[in-house]
Amino acid sequence: MDFSIKPIEAKTGLLGVKTGCIAVGVFEDKKLSAGAKALDGKGAITAALKSGDITGKAGTTLLLRGLDGAAAERVLLVGLGNEESVSEKNFQAAVQAASRVFSNLGTNEATLALPFEEIKNRDVSWAIRCAVLAVRDANYRFDTTKSKKEEKGGVKKIAVLTSSAASNAAKTAAAQATALANGMALTKDLGNLPPNICTPTYLAGVAKKLAKDYKFGVEVLDRKQIEALKMGSFLSVTKGSEEPPKFIVMKYNGGKPKDAPIVLVGKGITFDTGGISIKPSANMDEMKYDMCGAASVLGTFRALGELGLKLNVVGVIPACENMPSGRASKPGDIVTSMSGQTIEILNTDAEGRLILCDALTYAERFKPAAVVDIATLTGACVTALGHHNTGLFTRHDDAHDALAQELLAAGKETGDTAWRMPIEDAYQEQLKSNFADMANIGGPPGGSITAACFLERYTKKYTWAHLDIAGTAWKSGAAKGATGRPVPLLTTFLINRANGK
């Protein structure tokens, strides 16, 4: 998909735009946007509104052909809602609707002439990014594992019209959004691959390819090297699987050599049966998505490679399967983590925290500016927040409050939102064990919080945040598939860091 930013020609205006389809906005109460007015010389658009063919409600569309006086072959009317102010919600509905129409049109090129500079409480950069991501999402297809590939018709080139004054900001936003969309596409692809293909070894291969393509540093540790690091907690999860574990470390060095890096740690359970504490069979196929934390780190690194941000970032991915076998960890086993702390495994299905805790200890060696771990960690987070917000957990002090605010702001900026949850000492009591330093579960009450409290014990030496993406990383039902979240949040967080925000 090719995006370009073009200023509106002063002489010919929208009437002179030669394109397969031009999208303009209309409002409720039969009112036209400036773009629609410019194309309504013969009154065809006004007539369509008066007849009720389109109401102007946000996200509604009507396609007109051969509009008198217009150079465009087609004019797509897109509802923007109330005229008084175009809200971000209504604008998102509009660009998503236009994108769906574009994906099925019999033309190769189209133009968006929506009011990008008139969104309430948002600037043109936000609007451009919103449009690019909507178009890319509408055009995403996963047919890698199908014998017959889907024919990808529809629009291939999209021009976005803005004022001359806004064109530079719009071009920057379009480039950033394209890199972000490419990162999201990789994350979706990895999540959607079946677990017999997307194994720990496969993830390591993707990391190596990214490193080659974008000149990253990469290191992949195998079982013997993991054993040498005394990652007993990580190794306890992989014991039951025939697939070898991989510990993947990626380094993006865009900043000064002495600048402390941001470390992203992604949970890479490529399939989770629950182990001996086996899951119910219904919907267990969706446990291929238990590596979406790792996929989001790889997707963010893909975006980093294209953006060339001036900061240092390290990606750490512990990757393995959680399978039942005669070698698998048993409830009641006690293991020793890389940090030296011992863990009583009361439930082998609480495995994500067991691989992450050793990765978080490993992260200490980078002397990080901040560490963010990303994991499909708990069903309890889905119960608490549903599928709209990612759960955000940090300690409660000035440094962690500042990090939380950065992440929350990046989420709001992109629509990839998160909600801050508590971490308090009172919850730590639930992790007490009679036989080890801690148990790996704290019981049903506050399950997502006690999981975060478990991880917090391994992050005392740096500023840290945990993102529980169990409710946001994929969709079930008819729309089943990976969402690409939280790549927008993470990438925007890094862009803002690089820009000193």
Protein backbone atom coordinates (compact mmCIF):
# COMPACT_ATOMS: atom_id res chain seq x y z
CA MET A 1 0.00 0.00 0.00
CA ASP A 2 1.48 3.31 -1.12
CA PHE A 3 0.50 6.53 0.70
CA SER A 4 1.27 10.05 -0.47
CA ILE A 5 0.47 13.48 0.95
CA LYS A 6 -0.67 16.10 -1.53
CA PRO A 7 -1.66 19.72 -0.97
CA ILE A 8 -5.02 20.77 -2.39
CA GLU A 9 -4.50 22.63 -5.67
CA ALA A 10 -5.61 26.24 -5.29
CA LYS A 11 -6.75 26.60 -8.93
CA THR A 12 -8.64 23.38 -9.60
CA GLY A 13 -9.53 22.30 -6.05
CA LEU A 14 -11.19 18.94 -5.56
CA LEU A 15 -13.01 19.10 -8.90
CA GLY A 16 -9.69 18.76 -10.70
CA VAL A 17 -8.45 15.72 -8.74
CA LYS A 18 -8.08 12.82 -11.20
CA THR A 19 -8.46 9.60 -9.27
CA GLY A 20 -10.42 6.36 -9.25
CA CYS A 21 -12.32 7.48 -6.16
CA ILE A 22 -12.30 10.52 -3.89
CA ALA A 23 -13.74 10.32 -0.38
CA VAL A 24 -15.36 13.41 1.16
CA GLY A 25 -17.32 13.90 4.36
CA VAL A 26 -20.97 14.65 4.99
CA PHE A 27 -22.65 15.43 8.29
CA GLU A 28 -25.92 14.58 9.92
CA ASP A 29 -28.82 17.00 9.34
CA LYS A 30 -28.04 16.94 5.61
CA LYS A 31 -24.97 19.19 5.83
CA LEU A 32 -21.85 19.02 3.71
CA SER A 33 -18.18 19.26 4.65
CA ALA A 34 -16.00 21.74 2.75
CA GLY A 35 -14.78 18.90 0.54
CA ALA A 36 -18.29 17.76 -0.29
CA LYS A 37 -19.37 21.32 -1.07
CA ALA A 38 -16.47 21.66 -3.52
CA LEU A 39 -17.78 18.66 -5.51
CA ASP A 40 -21.49 19.58 -5.31
CA GLY A 41 -21.63 22.06 -8.17
CA LYS A 42 -24.61 20.33 -9.81
CA GLY A 43 -26.27 19.43 -6.49
CA ALA A 44 -25.92 15.63 -6.72
CA ILE A 45 -24.48 15.29 -3.21
CA THR A 46 -27.16 17.53 -1.69
CA ALA A 47 -29.79 15.48 -3.47
CA ALA A 48 -28.36 12.23 -2.07
CA LEU A 49 -28.59 13.64 1.44
CA LYS A 50 -32.11 14.99 0.99
CA SER A 51 -33.32 11.67 -0.38
CA GLY A 52 -32.02 9.83 2.67
CA ASP A 53 -29.61 7.66 0.68
CA ILE A 54 -27.00 8.59 3.31
CA THR A 55 -27.75 10.02 6.75
CA GLY A 56 -24.36 11.45 7.61
CA LYS A 57 -24.15 9.24 10.69
CA ALA A 58 -20.52 8.45 11.47
CA GLY A 59 -19.27 5.51 9.43
CA THR A 60 -22.07 5.46 6.85
CA THR A 61 -21.07 5.55 3.16
CA LEU A 62 -22.57 6.10 -0.26
CA LEU A 63 -20.70 5.62 -3.53
CA LEU A 64 -21.58 7.89 -6.46
CA ARG A 65 -20.29 7.45 -10.03
CA GLY A 66 -19.82 9.95 -12.81
CA LEU A 67 -20.49 13.08 -10.75
CA ASP A 68 -20.92 16.03 -13.14
CA GLY A 69 -17.93 18.38 -13.12
CA ALA A 70 -15.67 16.09 -11.08
CA ALA A 71 -12.52 14.58 -12.59
CA ALA A 72 -12.73 11.64 -10.17
CA GLU A 73 -14.44 8.50 -11.52
CA ARG A 74 -16.22 7.91 -8.22
CA VAL A 75 -17.11 10.03 -5.21
CA LEU A 76 -17.44 8.26 -1.86
CA LEU A 77 -19.57 10.10 0.68
CA VAL A 78 -18.56 9.26 4.24
CA GLY A 79 -20.61 10.12 7.32
CA LEU A 80 -18.84 12.22 9.97
CA GLY A 81 -21.64 12.56 12.52
CA ASN A 82 -22.48 15.90 14.13
CA GLU A 83 -21.28 18.98 12.25
CA GLU A 84 -20.43 21.06 15.34
CA SER A 85 -17.19 19.19 15.85
CA VAL A 86 -15.71 16.05 14.33
CA SER A 87 -14.90 13.88 17.32
CA GLU A 88 -12.01 11.44 17.19
CA LYS A 89 -14.47 8.55 17.54
CA ASN A 90 -16.52 9.74 14.58
CA PHE A 91 -13.41 10.38 12.50
CA GLN A 92 -12.11 6.89 13.24
CA ALA A 93 -15.45 5.42 12.21
CA ALA A 94 -15.30 7.45 8.98
CA VAL A 95 -11.80 6.41 7.92
CA GLN A 96 -12.48 2.79 8.83
CA ALA A 97 -15.62 2.82 6.70
CA ALA A 98 -13.82 4.47 3.77
CA SER A 99 -11.01 1.92 4.09
CA ARG A 100 -13.44 -0.98 3.86
CA VAL A 101 -14.93 0.46 0.69
CA PHE A 102 -11.48 1.10 -0.81
CA SER A 103 -10.41 -2.50 -0.15
CA ASN A 104 -13.12 -3.78 -2.52
CA LEU A 105 -13.16 -1.11 -5.23
CA GLY A 106 -12.30 -1.90 -8.84
CA THR A 107 -9.69 0.84 -9.06
CA ASN A 108 -6.02 1.01 -8.26
CA GLU A 109 -5.91 4.48 -6.73
CA ALA A 110 -8.03 6.64 -4.47
CA THR A 111 -7.92 9.97 -2.63
CA LEU A 112 -8.94 10.91 0.90
CA ALA A 113 -10.24 14.47 1.18
CA LEU A 114 -11.62 14.30 4.73
CA PRO A 115 -11.27 17.15 7.29
CA PHE A 116 -7.90 15.98 8.68
CA GLU A 117 -7.24 19.37 10.24
CA GLU A 118 -10.60 19.77 11.94
CA ILE A 119 -10.70 16.95 14.50
CA LYS A 120 -11.66 18.04 17.99
CA ASN A 121 -8.65 18.03 20.35
CA ARG A 122 -6.47 16.29 17.74
CA ASP A 123 -3.88 17.55 15.26
CA VAL A 124 -3.31 16.60 11.64
CA SER A 125 -0.58 14.10 12.56
CA TRP A 126 -3.02 12.10 14.65
CA ALA A 127 -5.61 12.15 11.85
CA ILE A 128 -3.12 10.99 9.21
CA ARG A 129 -1.87 8.16 11.42
CA CYS A 130 -5.45 7.13 12.12
CA ALA A 131 -6.21 6.97 8.39
CA VAL A 132 -3.08 5.01 7.47
CA LEU A 133 -3.65 2.42 10.18
CA ALA A 134 -7.32 2.06 9.23
CA VAL A 135 -6.46 1.45 5.58
CA ARG A 136 -3.73 -1.06 6.42
CA ASP A 137 -6.02 -2.91 8.84
CA ALA A 138 -8.80 -3.14 6.24
CA ASN A 139 -6.33 -4.58 3.74
CA TYR A 140 -4.69 -7.09 6.08
CA ARG A 141 -5.15 -10.71 5.02
CA PHE A 142 -3.64 -13.86 6.52
CA ASP A 143 -3.56 -16.62 3.95
CA THR A 144 -0.05 -17.98 4.54
CA THR A 145 -1.38 -21.41 5.50
CA LYS A 146 -4.13 -21.61 2.86
CA SER A 147 -3.62 -23.62 -0.33
CA LYS A 148 -5.46 -20.96 -2.34
CA LYS A 149 -4.33 -17.41 -1.69
CA GLU A 150 -6.90 -14.63 -1.51
CA GLU A 151 -6.88 -12.24 -4.43
CA LYS A 152 -5.90 -8.84 -3.15
CA GLY A 153 -7.98 -6.41 -5.14
CA GLY A 154 -8.98 -2.90 -4.27
CA VAL A 155 -6.99 0.28 -3.98
CA LYS A 156 -3.18 0.10 -3.98
CA LYS A 157 -2.31 3.81 -3.93
CA ILE A 158 -3.93 6.40 -1.68
CA ALA A 159 -3.34 10.14 -1.81
CA VAL A 160 -4.24 12.16 1.28
CA LEU A 161 -5.15 15.80 0.65
CA THR A 162 -4.20 18.45 3.21
CA SER A 163 -3.51 22.16 3.22
CA SER A 164 -0.03 23.29 2.19
CA ALA A 165 0.63 24.45 5.75
CA ALA A 166 -0.02 20.96 7.14
CA SER A 167 1.78 18.93 4.46
CA ASN A 168 5.16 18.58 6.23
CA ALA A 169 3.61 17.36 9.47
CA ALA A 170 1.35 15.06 7.47
CA LYS A 171 4.28 13.52 5.56
CA THR A 172 6.14 12.79 8.81
CA ALA A 173 3.02 11.26 10.33
CA ALA A 174 2.40 9.10 7.24
CA ALA A 175 5.96 7.74 7.32
CA GLN A 176 5.71 6.93 11.01
CA ALA A 177 2.29 5.34 10.58
CA THR A 178 3.52 3.19 7.69
CA ALA A 179 6.42 1.88 9.80
CA LEU A 180 4.00 1.25 12.65
CA ALA A 181 1.59 -0.59 10.35
CA ASN A 182 4.43 -2.76 9.06
CA GLY A 183 5.35 -3.66 12.63
CA MET A 184 1.74 -4.49 13.44
CA ALA A 185 1.47 -6.68 10.34
CA LEU A 186 4.49 -8.72 11.45
CA THR A 187 3.02 -9.09 14.93
CA LYS A 188 -0.31 -10.22 13.48
CA ASP A 189 1.36 -12.70 11.15
CA LEU A 190 3.38 -14.26 13.97
CA GLY A 191 0.34 -14.50 16.24
CA ASN A 192 -1.81 -16.04 13.52
CA LEU A 193 0.70 -18.69 12.50
CA PRO A 194 -0.07 -22.15 13.89
CA PRO A 195 2.07 -23.43 16.76
CA ASN A 196 3.58 -26.25 14.68
CA ILE A 197 5.17 -23.55 12.50
CA CYS A 198 5.71 -20.66 14.92
CA THR A 199 7.98 -22.44 17.39
CA PRO A 200 10.71 -20.90 19.58
CA THR A 201 13.18 -21.73 16.81
CA TYR A 202 10.96 -19.93 14.29
CA LEU A 203 10.82 -16.80 16.47
CA ALA A 204 14.60 -16.89 16.72
CA GLY A 205 14.79 -17.06 12.92
CA VAL A 206 12.52 -14.00 12.60
CA ALA A 207 14.74 -12.09 15.04
CA LYS A 208 17.82 -13.00 13.01
CA LYS A 209 16.19 -11.88 9.77
CA LEU A 210 15.18 -8.55 11.30
CA ALA A 211 18.73 -8.12 12.57
CA LYS A 212 20.09 -8.75 9.08
CA ASP A 213 17.58 -6.48 7.35
CA TYR A 214 17.94 -3.54 9.74
CA LYS A 215 21.47 -3.99 11.13
CA PHE A 216 20.42 -4.93 14.66
CA GLY A 217 22.54 -6.89 17.08
CA VAL A 218 21.10 -10.31 17.88
CA GLU A 219 22.02 -13.25 20.08
CA VAL A 220 20.08 -16.49 20.49
CA LEU A 221 20.89 -18.59 23.54
CA ASP A 222 20.16 -22.32 23.48
CA ARG A 223 19.41 -24.69 26.35
CA LYS A 224 23.03 -25.14 27.47
CA GLN A 225 23.59 -21.38 27.61
CA ILE A 226 20.31 -20.91 29.47
CA GLU A 227 21.38 -23.59 31.94
CA ALA A 228 24.74 -21.83 32.39
CA LEU A 229 22.86 -18.66 33.37
CA LYS A 230 20.98 -20.72 35.99
CA MET A 231 17.56 -19.77 34.68
CA GLY A 232 15.88 -22.55 36.62
CA SER A 233 12.46 -20.92 36.50
CA PHE A 234 12.46 -20.53 32.71
CA LEU A 235 13.77 -24.07 32.24
CA SER A 236 11.05 -25.52 34.46
CA VAL A 237 8.42 -24.46 31.92
CA THR A 238 10.13 -26.00 28.91
CA LYS A 239 10.90 -29.36 30.56
CA GLY A 240 7.85 -31.14 29.14
CA SER A 241 8.34 -30.08 25.51
CA GLU A 242 10.27 -31.64 22.63
CA GLU A 243 10.80 -28.16 21.16
CA PRO A 244 14.08 -26.60 22.32
CA PRO A 245 13.81 -23.30 24.20
CA LYS A 246 15.37 -20.13 22.87
CA PHE A 247 16.38 -16.99 24.71
CA ILE A 248 16.48 -14.18 22.16
CA VAL A 249 18.28 -10.87 22.70
CA MET A 250 18.04 -8.05 20.13
CA LYS A 251 19.85 -4.71 20.26
CA TYR A 252 18.91 -1.53 18.42
CA ASN A 253 21.66 1.05 18.87
CA GLY A 254 20.28 4.30 17.52
CA GLY A 255 21.37 6.47 20.44
CA LYS A 256 24.72 7.40 21.90
CA PRO A 257 26.87 4.46 23.05
CA LYS A 258 26.58 5.42 26.72
CA ASP A 259 22.84 6.11 26.68
CA ALA A 260 20.92 3.71 28.90
CA PRO A 261 18.56 1.57 26.79
CA ILE A 262 14.86 0.91 27.03
CA VAL A 263 14.43 -2.86 27.45
CA LEU A 264 11.33 -4.58 26.08
CA VAL A 265 10.71 -8.09 27.43
CA GLY A 266 8.17 -10.22 25.55
CA LYS A 267 6.57 -13.45 26.75
CA GLY A 268 7.17 -16.10 24.09
CA ILE A 269 5.10 -19.16 25.00
CA THR A 270 4.50 -20.46 21.47
CA PHE A 271 1.86 -22.86 22.76
CA ASP A 272 0.39 -23.20 26.23
CA THR A 273 -1.43 -26.39 27.17
CA GLY A 274 -1.22 -25.43 30.82
CA GLY A 275 1.24 -28.26 31.40
CA ILE A 276 0.23 -30.79 34.06
CA SER A 277 -2.41 -28.27 35.22
CA ILE A 278 -3.88 -28.76 31.77
CA LYS A 279 -6.39 -26.35 30.27
CA PRO A 280 -9.88 -27.33 29.06
CA SER A 281 -9.86 -28.38 25.41
CA ALA A 282 -12.42 -25.78 24.34
CA ASN A 283 -10.64 -22.83 22.70
CA MET A 284 -7.21 -24.24 23.58
CA ASP A 285 -6.22 -23.57 19.96
CA GLU A 286 -6.11 -19.89 20.89
CA MET A 287 -3.14 -20.60 23.13
CA LYS A 288 -1.00 -20.18 20.03
CA TYR A 289 -1.47 -16.48 20.84
CA ASP A 290 0.42 -16.87 24.12
CA MET A 291 3.51 -15.59 22.32
CA CYS A 292 1.93 -12.26 21.36
CA GLY A 293 4.15 -10.45 23.86
CA ALA A 294 7.19 -11.74 21.97
CA ALA A 295 5.49 -10.95 18.64
CA SER A 296 4.86 -7.36 19.76
CA VAL A 297 8.54 -6.92 20.62
CA LEU A 298 9.54 -8.22 17.19
CA GLY A 299 6.93 -5.98 15.53
CA THR A 300 8.17 -2.97 17.46
CA PHE A 301 11.73 -3.71 16.36
CA ARG A 302 10.52 -3.90 12.75
CA ALA A 303 9.05 -0.41 13.18
CA LEU A 304 12.24 0.79 14.88
CA GLY A 305 14.31 -0.39 11.94
CA GLU A 306 12.25 1.71 9.55
CA LEU A 307 11.99 4.78 11.78
CA GLY A 308 15.67 5.06 12.71
CA LEU A 309 14.95 6.56 16.13
CA LYS A 310 17.82 8.08 18.07
CA LEU A 311 17.73 5.92 21.18
CA ASN A 312 18.94 2.51 22.33
CA VAL A 313 16.48 -0.36 22.71
CA VAL A 314 17.03 -3.96 23.79
CA GLY A 315 14.52 -6.72 23.14
CA VAL A 316 14.53 -9.82 25.34
CA ILE A 317 12.35 -12.81 24.45
CA PRO A 318 12.26 -16.03 26.48
CA ALA A 319 10.59 -18.53 24.14
CA CYS A 320 9.39 -22.08 24.76
CA GLU A 321 6.32 -24.32 24.83
CA ASN A 322 4.40 -25.38 27.95
CA MET A 323 3.56 -29.06 27.42
CA PRO A 324 2.62 -32.03 29.62
CA SER A 325 4.87 -35.10 29.59
CA GLY A 326 6.72 -37.40 31.95
CA ARG A 327 9.42 -34.73 32.22
CA ALA A 328 7.09 -31.79 32.83
CA SER A 329 7.08 -29.73 36.01
CA LYS A 330 4.51 -30.85 38.59
CA PRO A 331 2.41 -28.85 41.02
CA GLY A 332 4.42 -28.72 44.21
CA ASP A 333 7.82 -28.58 42.49
CA ILE A 334 10.22 -25.93 43.75
CA VAL A 335 12.63 -24.24 41.36
CA THR A 336 15.38 -21.66 41.73
CA SER A 337 15.26 -18.59 39.50
CA MET A 338 18.26 -16.81 38.02
CA SER A 339 17.98 -14.26 40.83
CA GLY A 340 18.44 -17.03 43.43
CA GLN A 341 14.88 -16.72 44.71
CA THR A 342 12.98 -19.99 45.02
CA ILE A 343 9.47 -20.57 43.67
CA GLU A 344 6.89 -23.18 44.59
CA ILE A 345 4.95 -24.07 41.45
CA LEU A 346 1.38 -24.52 42.64
CA ASN A 347 -0.08 -24.31 39.13
CA THR A 348 1.90 -25.11 35.99
CA ASP A 349 -0.53 -22.99 33.95
CA ALA A 350 0.87 -19.87 35.62
CA GLU A 351 3.95 -20.31 33.45
CA GLY A 352 4.34 -16.89 31.84
CA ARG A 353 5.62 -15.32 35.04
CA LEU A 354 8.08 -18.20 35.41
CA ILE A 355 9.83 -17.42 32.13
CA LEU A 356 9.53 -13.65 32.51
CA CYS A 357 11.11 -13.49 35.96
CA ASP A 358 14.41 -14.86 34.65
CA ALA A 359 14.26 -12.53 31.63
CA LEU A 360 13.68 -9.58 33.97
CA THR A 361 16.72 -10.60 36.03
CA TYR A 362 18.74 -10.89 32.81
CA ALA A 363 17.69 -7.33 31.90
CA GLU A 364 19.68 -5.95 34.86
CA ARG A 365 22.95 -6.32 32.90
CA PHE A 366 21.91 -3.58 30.48
CA LYS A 367 21.58 -0.97 33.25
CA PRO A 368 18.34 0.14 31.61
CA ALA A 369 16.63 3.51 31.65
CA ALA A 370 13.38 1.53 31.93
CA VAL A 371 12.10 -2.00 31.38
CA VAL A 372 8.66 -2.81 29.99
CA ASP A 373 7.48 -6.41 29.87
CA ILE A 374 4.62 -7.42 27.60
CA ALA A 375 2.69 -10.63 28.20
CA THR A 376 -0.60 -12.41 27.64
CA LEU A 377 -0.33 -13.15 31.32
CA THR A 378 -3.71 -13.65 33.01
CA GLY A 379 -7.33 -14.41 32.25
CA ALA A 380 -8.01 -12.32 35.35
CA CYS A 381 -6.98 -9.20 33.40
CA VAL A 382 -9.62 -9.98 30.79
CA THR A 383 -12.20 -10.29 33.56
CA ALA A 384 -11.10 -6.94 35.00
CA LEU A 385 -10.72 -4.87 31.83
CA GLY A 386 -12.34 -6.81 29.01
CA HIS A 387 -10.89 -6.47 25.52
CA HIS A 388 -10.56 -2.68 25.33
CA ASN A 389 -7.68 -1.78 27.65
CA THR A 390 -4.34 -3.41 28.31
CA GLY A 391 -3.55 -3.75 32.00
CA LEU A 392 -0.66 -1.52 33.09
CA PHE A 393 1.16 -2.24 36.35
CA THR A 394 4.04 -0.35 37.97
CA ARG A 395 5.22 0.51 41.43
CA HIS A 396 3.83 3.65 43.04
CA ASP A 397 6.62 6.25 43.28
CA ASP A 398 7.71 9.26 41.25
CA ALA A 399 9.87 7.38 38.72
CA HIS A 400 7.28 4.70 38.09
CA ASP A 401 4.42 7.18 37.99
CA ALA A 402 6.28 9.05 35.27
CA LEU A 403 6.84 5.86 33.26
CA ALA A 404 3.19 4.89 33.66
CA GLN A 405 2.10 8.30 32.42
CA GLU A 406 4.34 7.99 29.33
CA LEU A 407 2.83 4.62 28.45
CA LEU A 408 -0.74 5.74 29.12
CA ALA A 409 -0.22 8.86 26.99
CA ALA A 410 1.22 6.79 24.12
CA GLY A 411 -1.82 4.53 24.33
CA LYS A 412 -4.26 7.43 24.21
CA GLU A 413 -2.37 8.98 21.30
CA THR A 414 -2.78 5.84 19.20
CA GLY A 415 -6.06 4.40 20.48
CA ASP A 416 -4.07 1.42 21.80
CA THR A 417 -5.18 2.22 25.32
CA ALA A 418 -4.08 0.90 28.69
CA TRP A 419 -5.50 1.24 32.21
CA ARG A 420 -3.32 1.47 35.28
CA MET A 421 -3.89 -1.17 37.93
CA PRO A 422 -2.55 -1.22 41.51
CA ILE A 423 0.50 -2.93 42.92
CA GLU A 424 0.49 -2.80 46.70
CA ASP A 425 2.25 -4.74 49.43
CA ALA A 426 -1.07 -6.10 50.68
CA TYR A 427 -1.36 -8.21 47.51
CA GLN A 428 2.14 -9.66 48.01
CA GLU A 429 0.81 -11.55 51.03
CA GLN A 430 -1.12 -13.84 48.68
CA LEU A 431 2.14 -15.18 47.21
CA LYS A 432 3.42 -16.59 50.50
CA SER A 433 4.65 -20.18 50.47
CA ASN A 434 5.44 -22.47 53.40
CA PHE A 435 8.20 -24.13 51.40
CA ALA A 436 9.80 -21.54 49.09
CA ASP A 437 10.43 -17.81 48.87
CA MET A 438 7.14 -17.43 47.00
CA ALA A 439 4.36 -19.33 45.25
CA ASN A 440 3.70 -18.79 41.57
CA ILE A 441 -0.01 -18.05 42.13
CA GLY A 442 -1.92 -16.06 44.72
CA GLY A 443 -5.41 -17.49 44.31
CA PRO A 444 -8.38 -16.10 42.35
CA PRO A 445 -8.78 -12.70 44.08
CA GLY A 446 -6.91 -10.01 42.14
CA GLY A 447 -5.25 -12.58 39.90
CA SER A 448 -3.76 -10.09 37.44
CA ILE A 449 -2.43 -8.00 40.33
CA THR A 450 -0.76 -10.87 42.15
CA ALA A 451 0.83 -11.96 38.85
CA ALA A 452 2.28 -8.46 38.49
CA CYS A 453 3.37 -8.55 42.14
CA PHE A 454 5.26 -11.76 41.38
CA LEU A 455 7.14 -10.07 38.52
CA GLU A 456 7.77 -6.96 40.61
CA ARG A 457 9.99 -9.00 42.94
CA TYR A 458 12.49 -9.37 40.10
CA THR A 459 12.66 -5.70 39.10
CA LYS A 460 14.02 -3.94 42.17
CA LYS A 461 17.13 -2.63 40.40
CA TYR A 462 15.45 -0.53 37.71
CA THR A 463 12.31 1.34 36.69
CA TRP A 464 9.78 -1.16 35.36
CA ALA A 465 6.28 -1.53 33.97
CA HIS A 466 4.24 -4.60 33.07
CA LEU A 467 1.63 -4.73 30.29
CA ASP A 468 -0.89 -7.56 30.53
CA ILE A 469 -2.26 -7.94 26.99
CA ALA A 470 -4.36 -11.07 27.54
CA GLY A 471 -7.51 -9.17 26.60
CA THR A 472 -6.14 -7.08 23.73
CA ALA A 473 -3.64 -9.21 21.79
CA TRP A 474 -6.20 -11.18 19.80
CA LYS A 475 -9.88 -11.51 18.97
CA SER A 476 -12.04 -14.63 19.17
CA GLY A 477 -15.12 -15.74 17.25
CA ALA A 478 -15.79 -14.83 13.63
CA ALA A 479 -13.11 -12.13 13.75
CA LYS A 480 -10.52 -14.49 15.26
CA GLY A 481 -7.01 -13.20 14.77
CA ALA A 482 -4.15 -11.26 16.29
CA THR A 483 -4.71 -7.51 16.67
CA GLY A 484 -1.11 -6.27 16.53
CA ARG A 485 -1.49 -4.59 19.91
CA PRO A 486 0.37 -3.14 21.76
CA VAL A 487 2.81 -2.28 18.95
CA PRO A 488 1.19 1.17 18.49
CA LEU A 489 1.55 1.96 22.19
CA LEU A 490 5.15 0.70 22.39
CA THR A 491 6.31 2.36 19.18
CA THR A 492 4.75 5.71 20.07
CA PHE A 493 6.27 5.46 23.56
CA LEU A 494 9.69 5.04 21.93
CA ILE A 495 9.08 7.85 19.40
CA ASN A 496 8.17 10.18 22.26
CA ARG A 497 11.25 9.12 24.23
CA ALA A 498 13.48 9.76 21.23
CA ASN A 499 11.90 13.19 20.80
CA GLY A 500 12.46 14.03 24.46
CA LYS A 501 8.76 14.08 25.34
